[in-house]
Protein backbone atom coordinates (compact mmCIF):
# COMPACT_ATOMS: atom_id res chain seq x y z
CA MET A 1 68.42 47.90 63.35
CA ASP A 2 67.82 46.74 66.92
CA SER A 3 66.46 43.34 67.92
CA ILE A 4 62.87 44.57 68.46
CA ALA A 5 62.74 46.16 65.01
CA MET A 6 64.21 42.99 63.50
CA ARG A 7 61.58 40.79 65.15
CA LYS A 8 58.81 43.05 63.82
CA ARG A 9 60.33 42.84 60.37
CA LEU A 10 60.54 39.05 60.55
CA ASP A 11 56.89 38.88 61.62
CA ARG A 12 55.93 40.75 58.46
CA ILE A 13 57.58 38.23 56.12
CA PRO A 14 54.65 36.29 54.60
CA ASN A 15 56.64 33.22 53.47
CA LEU A 16 58.93 32.72 56.45
CA PRO A 17 59.67 28.95 56.62
CA THR A 18 57.22 26.93 58.67
CA LEU A 19 57.19 23.36 59.92
CA PRO A 20 54.63 20.73 58.89
CA GLN A 21 51.59 20.52 61.14
CA VAL A 22 52.66 17.07 62.30
CA ALA A 23 56.00 18.42 63.57
CA LEU A 24 54.25 21.24 65.42
CA LYS A 25 51.67 18.85 66.89
CA VAL A 26 54.35 16.41 68.06
CA ASN A 27 56.18 19.25 69.84
CA GLU A 28 52.93 20.24 71.52
CA MET A 29 52.17 16.67 72.56
CA LEU A 30 55.61 16.25 74.11
CA ASN A 31 54.76 19.03 76.54
CA ASP A 32 51.77 16.99 77.76
CA PRO A 33 52.95 14.21 80.11
CA SER A 34 49.70 12.32 79.56
CA THR A 35 50.45 11.76 75.86
CA SER A 36 50.73 8.04 75.08
CA MET A 37 52.96 6.40 72.48
CA ARG A 38 49.85 5.28 70.61
CA GLU A 39 48.53 8.86 70.42
CA MET A 40 51.93 10.05 69.22
CA SER A 41 52.21 7.38 66.52
CA ASP A 42 48.62 8.03 65.35
CA THR A 43 49.46 11.73 64.95
CA ILE A 44 52.64 11.06 62.99
CA MET A 45 50.83 8.57 60.73
CA LYS A 46 48.70 11.41 59.38
CA ASP A 47 51.64 12.57 57.25
CA GLN A 48 52.86 9.65 55.15
CA VAL A 49 55.71 11.65 53.63
CA ILE A 50 57.15 12.24 57.10
CA VAL A 51 56.49 8.60 58.04
CA SER A 52 58.48 7.43 55.00
CA ASN A 53 61.40 9.74 55.78
CA ILE A 54 61.44 8.89 59.50
CA LEU A 55 61.55 5.16 58.81
CA LYS A 56 64.33 5.76 56.28
CA LEU A 57 66.24 7.74 58.92
CA VAL A 58 65.81 5.30 61.82
CA ASN A 59 66.90 2.41 59.58
CA SER A 60 69.98 4.29 58.39
CA ALA A 61 73.54 4.10 59.68
CA PHE A 62 72.64 6.83 62.24
CA TYR A 63 71.14 4.21 64.55
CA GLY A 64 72.56 0.92 63.31
CA PHE A 65 69.77 -1.37 64.52
CA PRO A 66 70.29 -5.04 63.54
CA SER A 67 66.66 -5.49 62.48
CA GLN A 68 64.45 -3.35 60.28
CA ILE A 69 61.97 -0.97 61.94
CA ASP A 70 58.91 -0.99 59.71
CA ASN A 71 56.36 1.19 61.52
CA ILE A 72 56.24 4.37 63.57
CA HIS A 73 54.86 2.72 66.72
CA ARG A 74 57.84 0.37 66.84
CA ALA A 75 60.20 3.27 66.13
CA ILE A 76 58.82 5.17 69.12
CA THR A 77 58.98 2.03 71.30
CA VAL A 78 62.61 1.31 70.37
CA LEU A 79 63.98 4.85 70.11
CA GLY A 80 61.72 6.80 72.48
CA ILE A 81 59.40 9.71 71.77
CA GLU A 82 62.13 12.35 72.15
CA THR A 83 64.41 10.72 69.56
CA VAL A 84 61.56 10.28 67.08
CA ARG A 85 60.62 13.94 67.61
CA ASN A 86 64.21 14.92 66.81
CA ALA A 87 64.15 12.76 63.69
CA ILE A 88 60.94 14.49 62.57
CA MET A 89 62.60 17.86 63.19
CA ALA A 90 65.70 16.88 61.20
CA VAL A 91 63.67 15.79 58.19
CA SER A 92 61.20 18.70 58.40
CA VAL A 93 63.78 21.46 58.82
CA THR A 94 66.09 20.30 56.03
CA LYS A 95 63.09 20.20 53.70
CA ALA A 96 61.68 23.56 54.87
CA LEU A 97 64.96 25.44 54.53
CA SER A 98 66.21 23.86 51.31
CA LYS A 99 63.29 24.63 49.00
CA ALA A 100 64.52 27.89 47.51
CA ASN A 101 67.53 28.29 45.25
CA ASP A 102 70.77 29.61 46.70
CA ALA A 103 70.70 33.30 47.49
CA GLU A 104 73.48 35.38 45.98
CA ASP A 105 76.80 34.70 47.73
CA PHE A 106 75.15 32.03 49.89
CA SER A 107 75.39 28.31 49.14
CA ILE A 108 72.70 26.19 50.78
CA THR A 109 74.87 23.13 50.13
CA THR A 110 77.80 24.62 52.05
CA PHE A 111 75.40 25.69 54.80
CA TRP A 112 74.00 22.19 55.26
CA ARG A 113 77.41 20.52 55.09
CA HIS A 114 78.55 22.73 57.98
CA SER A 115 75.32 22.20 59.94
CA ILE A 116 75.47 18.42 59.53
CA ALA A 117 79.16 18.43 60.51
CA VAL A 118 78.35 20.34 63.71
CA ALA A 119 75.40 18.01 64.40
CA ILE A 120 77.53 14.87 64.07
CA THR A 121 80.45 16.36 66.01
CA SER A 122 78.17 17.56 68.82
CA ARG A 123 76.62 14.11 69.11
CA GLN A 124 80.12 12.61 69.27
CA LEU A 125 81.05 15.07 72.04
CA SER A 126 77.93 14.20 74.02
CA GLN A 127 78.84 10.52 73.82
CA ARG A 128 82.31 11.28 75.18
CA ILE A 129 81.19 13.74 77.85
CA PRO A 130 77.72 12.65 79.00
CA LEU A 131 76.27 16.10 79.58
CA GLU A 132 73.29 15.80 77.24
CA VAL A 133 71.27 13.26 75.24
CA PRO A 134 73.26 12.59 72.03
CA GLU A 135 70.26 12.88 69.68
CA THR A 136 69.26 16.21 71.22
CA CYS A 137 72.79 17.44 70.55
CA PHE A 138 72.45 16.23 66.96
CA ILE A 139 69.27 18.21 66.31
CA ALA A 140 70.60 21.33 68.09
CA GLY A 141 73.77 21.16 66.00
CA LEU A 142 71.73 20.75 62.83
CA LEU A 143 69.64 23.84 63.67
CA HIS A 144 72.31 26.11 65.20
CA ASP A 145 72.83 28.32 62.12
CA ILE A 146 69.29 28.46 60.69
CA GLY A 147 69.28 32.24 61.17
CA LYS A 148 71.82 32.51 58.32
CA VAL A 149 69.30 31.11 55.84
CA ILE A 150 66.74 33.69 56.94
CA MET A 151 69.29 36.49 56.58
CA ALA A 152 70.41 35.36 53.11
CA ARG A 153 66.87 35.02 51.75
CA PHE A 154 64.86 37.72 53.46
CA LEU A 155 67.37 40.31 54.75
CA LYS A 156 69.48 40.61 51.63
CA GLU A 157 70.61 44.19 52.12
CA GLU A 158 71.82 43.49 55.64
CA PHE A 159 73.41 40.22 54.52
CA ALA A 160 75.35 42.12 51.86
CA GLN A 161 76.69 44.48 54.55
CA VAL A 162 77.95 41.50 56.52
CA LEU A 163 79.64 39.99 53.48
CA ALA A 164 81.32 43.33 52.71
CA LEU A 165 82.84 43.42 56.19
CA MET A 166 83.95 39.80 55.85
CA LYS A 167 85.87 40.71 52.70
CA GLN A 168 87.78 43.17 54.86
CA GLY A 169 88.81 40.34 57.20
CA SER A 170 86.00 40.16 59.78
CA ARG A 171 84.46 36.87 60.90
CA PHE A 172 80.77 36.44 60.05
CA TYR A 173 79.65 36.72 63.67
CA ASP A 174 81.71 39.86 64.33
CA ALA A 175 80.63 41.43 61.05
CA GLU A 176 76.92 41.03 61.67
CA LYS A 177 77.26 42.36 65.22
CA SER A 178 78.99 45.43 63.84
CA ALA A 179 76.64 45.99 60.91
CA LEU A 180 73.28 44.95 62.35
CA HIS A 181 73.47 44.93 66.18
CA ILE A 182 71.75 41.54 65.88
CA ASP A 183 73.10 38.23 64.70
CA HIS A 184 72.07 35.02 62.96
CA ALA A 185 71.94 33.21 66.33
CA MET A 186 69.28 35.61 67.65
CA ILE A 187 67.34 35.40 64.39
CA GLY A 188 67.54 31.60 64.44
CA GLY A 189 66.39 31.50 68.04
CA TYR A 190 63.44 33.70 67.18
CA LEU A 191 62.47 31.37 64.32
CA ALA A 192 62.79 28.36 66.66
CA LYS A 193 60.45 30.10 69.09
CA ARG A 194 57.91 30.64 66.32
CA TRP A 195 58.16 26.92 65.63
CA HIS A 196 57.35 26.23 69.31
CA LEU A 197 60.56 24.27 69.89
CA PRO A 198 61.59 23.43 73.48
CA ASP A 199 63.47 26.09 75.44
CA ASN A 200 66.71 24.09 75.49
CA LEU A 201 66.82 24.01 71.67
CA ILE A 202 65.85 27.68 71.37
CA ASN A 203 68.66 28.62 73.77
CA ALA A 204 71.21 26.36 72.07
CA ILE A 205 70.52 28.18 68.80
CA THR A 206 70.38 31.66 70.34
CA TYR A 207 73.53 31.39 72.48
CA HIS A 208 75.73 28.93 70.58
CA HIS A 209 78.40 31.63 70.14
CA GLU A 210 78.17 32.87 73.73
CA PRO A 211 76.95 30.11 76.09
CA ARG A 212 75.37 31.22 79.36
CA GLU A 213 75.08 29.31 82.61
CA ASN A 214 71.71 30.68 83.76
CA ILE A 215 69.59 29.38 80.86
CA ALA A 216 67.63 26.19 80.21
CA GLY A 217 69.87 23.66 78.51
CA HIS A 218 73.16 25.44 79.26
CA ASN A 219 75.09 22.16 78.88
CA LEU A 220 73.47 21.59 75.48
CA THR A 221 74.50 25.09 74.42
CA ALA A 222 78.07 24.46 75.58
CA VAL A 223 78.29 21.23 73.56
CA ILE A 224 77.02 22.95 70.38
CA HIS A 225 79.44 25.82 70.96
CA ALA A 226 82.33 23.35 71.23
CA GLY A 227 81.14 21.33 68.21
CA ASP A 228 80.94 24.46 66.08
CA ASN A 229 84.48 25.43 67.08
CA ILE A 230 85.85 21.97 66.33
CA VAL A 231 84.29 21.88 62.86
CA ASN A 232 85.54 25.39 62.06
CA ARG A 233 89.08 24.43 63.03
CA SER A 234 89.25 20.81 61.90
CA MET A 235 87.27 20.79 58.65
CA GLU A 236 87.01 24.27 57.26
CA ASP A 237 90.53 25.53 58.09
CA SER A 238 89.12 29.00 58.64
CA GLY A 239 91.88 30.14 60.94
CA THR A 240 89.22 30.78 63.56
CA PRO A 241 90.87 31.07 66.97
CA LEU A 242 89.78 28.71 69.72
CA ALA A 243 86.94 30.43 71.57
CA ILE A 244 85.40 27.86 73.89
CA ASN A 245 83.04 29.38 76.43
CA THR A 246 81.61 26.67 78.67
CA THR A 247 80.47 26.24 82.24
CA PRO A 248 83.18 25.75 84.88
CA GLU A 249 82.27 22.11 85.48
CA ASN A 250 82.75 21.06 81.86
CA SER A 251 85.20 23.57 80.39
CA GLU A 252 88.33 21.51 81.06
CA VAL A 253 86.73 18.33 79.74
CA VAL A 254 85.71 20.09 76.53
CA ARG A 255 89.15 21.63 76.14
CA ARG A 256 90.82 18.23 76.51
CA LEU A 257 88.51 16.78 73.87
CA ILE A 258 89.36 19.60 71.51
CA GLU A 259 93.07 19.05 72.06
CA THR A 260 92.65 15.38 71.15
CA THR A 261 90.45 16.10 68.11
CA PRO A 262 93.02 14.71 65.61
CA VAL A 263 92.78 11.33 67.38
CA TRP A 264 89.03 10.83 67.02
CA PHE A 265 87.85 13.24 64.34
CA ALA A 266 88.81 11.05 61.36
CA GLU A 267 86.01 8.66 62.32
CA VAL A 268 83.61 11.58 62.62
CA ARG A 269 84.49 12.76 59.11
CA ASN A 270 83.27 9.45 57.68
CA GLU A 271 80.03 9.76 59.63
CA ILE A 272 79.58 13.32 58.35
CA GLU A 273 79.92 12.14 54.74
CA SER A 274 77.33 9.41 55.36
CA ALA A 275 74.95 11.94 56.91
CA CYS A 276 75.37 14.35 53.98
CA ALA A 277 74.56 11.49 51.62
CA PHE A 278 71.44 10.64 53.62
CA PHE A 279 70.17 14.22 53.53
CA GLU A 280 71.18 14.43 49.84
CA ILE A 281 73.72 17.19 50.42
CA ALA A 282 76.23 17.11 47.57
């Protein structure tokens, strides 16, 4: 099945995960430079479930503010619109993609543990190599594998083909390329586009296995690519070979960070466990 046929098939799925209207509206408002913080906070306040979760998130160990933030307007003032948007995305996406039970041979718990690990690691990388905003790296890392959920739930026959090749020794990414001629990164990027996410996030999801220099957010994509590699090697002991593809200006920096992973990754592990607890991932 080629990519065009796959997109048409995805478009025909009636219950493909969607984001809350508030999340979609906030994304739209961010593209309008005339949007004020008051307009943004008034829009978010229309969904009290999201408000509750956002305040819980911004008052968590993620941000470590000394005083409590008790309303959305203050959260936007202190954190900035972009960070609050990312927090809304984090809460909305984990809820949207965790509703159904595990598909056969696919654990949603394992999926989210990996995604959160990549999110935390990518944020840590961005703090050490200031190529991108740390919170943008967090949300891109959290979303990088969302195409796998779509495959497991809605493309079960194709997913089974991939798993069969993996049992013969292939990596997931190589197996799906061989079996489907399309991969979870492309599917995830297509879903992100349907959600009207910014181009830099769409590209980070679409190209996180094969970063490109001539795309919007190429540094963001490189950071997520590196974060994914670090997690695969340092946490999951998958035997995955180092495959860092970054731009010339940051490749050596990223490689040095990866070489020193044992020095700083222990601290990241603790942060990952805290994040999993926050998102209620067992």
